[in-house]
Amino acid sequence: TNLGVLDVGHKGLHIVELASGVTEAELRAATEATVV
């Protein structure tokens, strides 16, 4: 996504890398998927 690089796992999305200037909280707020 434009917010970062994510891997899809069995229990949800795994954050690989956040885009410059994006916080983990912003990414979590922008998706309905589970971020683990």
N, C-alpha and C. Protein backbone atom coordinates (compact mmCIF):
# COMPACT_ATOMS: atom_id res chain seq x y z
N THR A 1 0.84 -1.19 0.00
CA THR A 1 0.00 0.00 0.00
C THR A 1 0.88 1.24 0.00
N ASN A 2 0.26 2.40 -0.06
CA ASN A 2 1.03 3.64 0.02
C ASN A 2 1.43 3.96 1.46
N LEU A 3 0.96 3.15 2.42
CA LEU A 3 1.30 3.36 3.83
C LEU A 3 2.49 2.53 4.27
N GLY A 4 2.79 1.48 3.54
CA GLY A 4 3.91 0.63 3.90
C GLY A 4 3.85 -0.71 3.19
N VAL A 5 4.75 -1.59 3.59
CA VAL A 5 4.83 -2.94 3.04
C VAL A 5 4.30 -3.90 4.09
N LEU A 6 3.34 -4.74 3.68
CA LEU A 6 2.69 -5.67 4.60
C LEU A 6 2.77 -7.08 4.04
N ASP A 7 2.92 -8.07 4.92
CA ASP A 7 2.83 -9.49 4.56
C ASP A 7 1.51 -10.02 5.11
N VAL A 8 0.88 -10.90 4.35
CA VAL A 8 -0.36 -11.52 4.81
C VAL A 8 -0.01 -12.84 5.48
N GLY A 9 -0.39 -12.96 6.75
CA GLY A 9 -0.14 -14.18 7.51
C GLY A 9 -1.45 -14.84 7.89
N HIS A 10 -1.36 -15.97 8.58
CA HIS A 10 -2.55 -16.71 8.98
C HIS A 10 -3.41 -15.95 9.98
N LYS A 11 -2.78 -15.14 10.82
CA LYS A 11 -3.52 -14.42 11.86
C LYS A 11 -3.78 -12.96 11.51
N GLY A 12 -3.29 -12.50 10.37
CA GLY A 12 -3.52 -11.12 9.97
C GLY A 12 -2.32 -10.57 9.21
N LEU A 13 -2.27 -9.25 9.11
CA LEU A 13 -1.20 -8.58 8.39
C LEU A 13 0.00 -8.34 9.29
N HIS A 14 1.18 -8.51 8.74
CA HIS A 14 2.43 -8.24 9.45
C HIS A 14 3.08 -7.04 8.78
N ILE A 15 3.45 -6.05 9.57
CA ILE A 15 4.12 -4.87 9.03
C ILE A 15 5.57 -5.21 8.75
N VAL A 16 5.97 -5.05 7.50
CA VAL A 16 7.36 -5.26 7.10
C VAL A 16 8.11 -3.93 7.16
N GLU A 17 7.47 -2.89 6.62
CA GLU A 17 8.10 -1.57 6.59
C GLU A 17 7.02 -0.51 6.47
N LEU A 18 7.16 0.57 7.21
CA LEU A 18 6.23 1.70 7.12
C LEU A 18 6.79 2.72 6.13
N ALA A 19 5.90 3.38 5.39
CA ALA A 19 6.32 4.45 4.49
C ALA A 19 6.86 5.62 5.31
N SER A 20 7.67 6.41 4.71
CA SER A 20 8.26 7.58 5.37
C SER A 20 7.16 8.49 5.90
N GLY A 21 7.24 8.82 7.18
CA GLY A 21 6.27 9.73 7.79
C GLY A 21 4.99 9.08 8.27
N VAL A 22 4.83 7.76 8.08
CA VAL A 22 3.63 7.05 8.51
C VAL A 22 3.92 6.33 9.82
N THR A 23 3.01 6.46 10.78
CA THR A 23 3.18 5.76 12.06
C THR A 23 2.40 4.45 12.02
N GLU A 24 2.75 3.56 12.93
CA GLU A 24 2.02 2.29 13.04
C GLU A 24 0.55 2.55 13.38
N ALA A 25 0.29 3.53 14.23
CA ALA A 25 -1.08 3.86 14.61
C ALA A 25 -1.88 4.33 13.39
N GLU A 26 -1.28 5.11 12.52
CA GLU A 26 -1.96 5.58 11.31
C GLU A 26 -2.30 4.41 10.39
N LEU A 27 -1.36 3.48 10.24
CA LEU A 27 -1.61 2.31 9.41
C LEU A 27 -2.75 1.47 9.99
N ARG A 28 -2.71 1.23 11.28
CA ARG A 28 -3.77 0.44 11.94
C ARG A 28 -5.14 1.11 11.79
N ALA A 29 -5.19 2.43 11.88
CA ALA A 29 -6.45 3.16 11.76
C ALA A 29 -7.00 3.12 10.34
N ALA A 30 -6.13 2.93 9.36
CA ALA A 30 -6.53 2.98 7.96
C ALA A 30 -7.04 1.64 7.42
N THR A 31 -6.93 0.57 8.19
CA THR A 31 -7.36 -0.75 7.72
C THR A 31 -8.30 -1.41 8.71
N GLU A 32 -9.21 -2.21 8.18
CA GLU A 32 -10.10 -2.99 9.04
C GLU A 32 -9.50 -4.36 9.33
N ALA A 33 -8.45 -4.71 8.61
CA ALA A 33 -7.80 -6.01 8.81
C ALA A 33 -7.05 -6.02 10.14
N THR A 34 -6.82 -7.22 10.66
CA THR A 34 -6.05 -7.38 11.88
C THR A 34 -4.57 -7.21 11.56
N VAL A 35 -3.90 -6.33 12.30
CA VAL A 35 -2.46 -6.14 12.13
C VAL A 35 -1.79 -6.72 13.37
N VAL A 36 -0.93 -7.73 13.12
CA VAL A 36 -0.25 -8.40 14.24
C VAL A 36 1.22 -8.07 14.25
